[in-house]
Amino acid sequence: MTALQELGDDIGLSRHEYDETVVFAADFGPGQDASVDVLGDTVMVVVGDEQYDLEIAGDARAFMKNGVLTIEVER
């Protein structure tokens, strides 16, 4: 998921690996007008006027809470 690096240097990024899943998190900050949706192998993230399309491999769930994007990908 190197596509998360496209989000920019101002966004805190992290990756956590577990037995059955890999979890990616990107912190856009509180109060951001943001949404996320998973369409097939693509996670679409809209923050303000910017849209990011992140290609993923595997089944994924994605959600946004308090400006933090979380993507959980099953191994």
Protein backbone atom coordinates (compact mmCIF):
# COMPACT_ATOMS: atom_id res chain seq x y z
CA MET A 1 0.00 0.00 0.00
CA THR A 2 2.64 2.49 -1.00
CA ALA A 3 -0.18 4.58 -2.43
CA LEU A 4 -0.73 5.97 1.07
CA GLN A 5 2.55 7.83 0.62
CA GLU A 6 0.81 9.87 -2.09
CA LEU A 7 -1.29 11.52 0.61
CA GLY A 8 1.58 13.86 1.40
CA ASP A 9 4.15 14.62 4.04
CA ASP A 10 1.77 16.63 6.24
CA ILE A 11 -0.35 13.59 7.07
CA GLY A 12 0.73 11.20 9.81
CA LEU A 13 0.86 7.67 8.39
CA SER A 14 1.22 4.35 10.17
CA ARG A 15 1.12 0.63 9.34
CA HIS A 16 0.44 -2.16 11.82
CA GLU A 17 0.66 -5.88 11.00
CA TYR A 18 -1.37 -8.49 12.84
CA ASP A 19 -1.89 -12.22 12.30
CA GLU A 20 -4.88 -11.87 9.98
CA THR A 21 -4.85 -8.20 8.95
CA VAL A 22 -2.69 -5.24 8.04
CA VAL A 23 -4.00 -1.89 9.31
CA PHE A 24 -3.08 1.43 7.70
CA ALA A 25 -3.95 4.74 9.33
CA ALA A 26 -3.67 8.30 8.01
CA ASP A 27 -4.36 11.28 10.27
CA PHE A 28 -5.89 14.20 8.37
CA GLY A 29 -6.61 16.09 11.59
CA PRO A 30 -9.90 16.79 13.36
CA GLY A 31 -12.59 18.86 11.70
CA GLN A 32 -11.71 17.81 8.16
CA ASP A 33 -14.54 17.39 5.66
CA ALA A 34 -13.62 13.83 4.67
CA SER A 35 -15.20 10.61 3.45
CA VAL A 36 -14.03 7.15 2.41
CA ASP A 37 -15.50 4.33 0.34
CA VAL A 38 -14.22 0.95 -0.88
CA LEU A 39 -15.02 0.05 -4.48
CA GLY A 40 -13.54 -3.29 -5.50
CA ASP A 41 -9.76 -3.02 -5.16
CA THR A 42 -9.79 0.75 -4.66
CA VAL A 43 -10.20 2.84 -1.53
CA MET A 44 -11.50 6.27 -2.50
CA VAL A 45 -10.71 9.04 0.00
CA VAL A 46 -12.10 12.56 -0.37
CA VAL A 47 -10.71 15.27 1.91
CA GLY A 48 -11.97 18.77 1.17
CA ASP A 49 -11.37 19.32 -2.56
CA GLU A 50 -8.79 16.52 -2.88
CA GLN A 51 -9.52 12.93 -3.92
CA TYR A 52 -7.12 10.02 -3.46
CA ASP A 53 -7.63 6.61 -5.08
CA LEU A 54 -5.62 3.96 -3.25
CA GLU A 55 -5.20 0.57 -4.90
CA ILE A 56 -5.32 -2.34 -2.45
CA ALA A 57 -4.76 -6.08 -2.70
CA GLY A 58 -7.21 -8.19 -0.72
CA ASP A 59 -10.49 -7.69 1.08
CA ALA A 60 -10.58 -4.36 2.88
CA ARG A 61 -12.70 -2.26 5.22
CA ALA A 62 -12.17 1.46 5.46
CA PHE A 63 -13.63 4.09 7.75
CA MET A 64 -13.02 7.66 8.84
CA LYS A 65 -13.44 8.89 12.44
CA ASN A 66 -12.32 12.23 13.88
CA GLY A 67 -10.15 12.90 10.85
CA VAL A 68 -8.35 9.54 11.01
CA LEU A 69 -8.63 7.22 8.02
CA THR A 70 -8.29 3.52 8.91
CA ILE A 71 -7.95 0.80 6.28
CA GLU A 72 -7.99 -2.83 7.40
CA VAL A 73 -6.80 -5.35 4.79
CA GLU A 74 -7.16 -9.09 5.34
CA ARG A 75 -4.11 -11.19 4.52
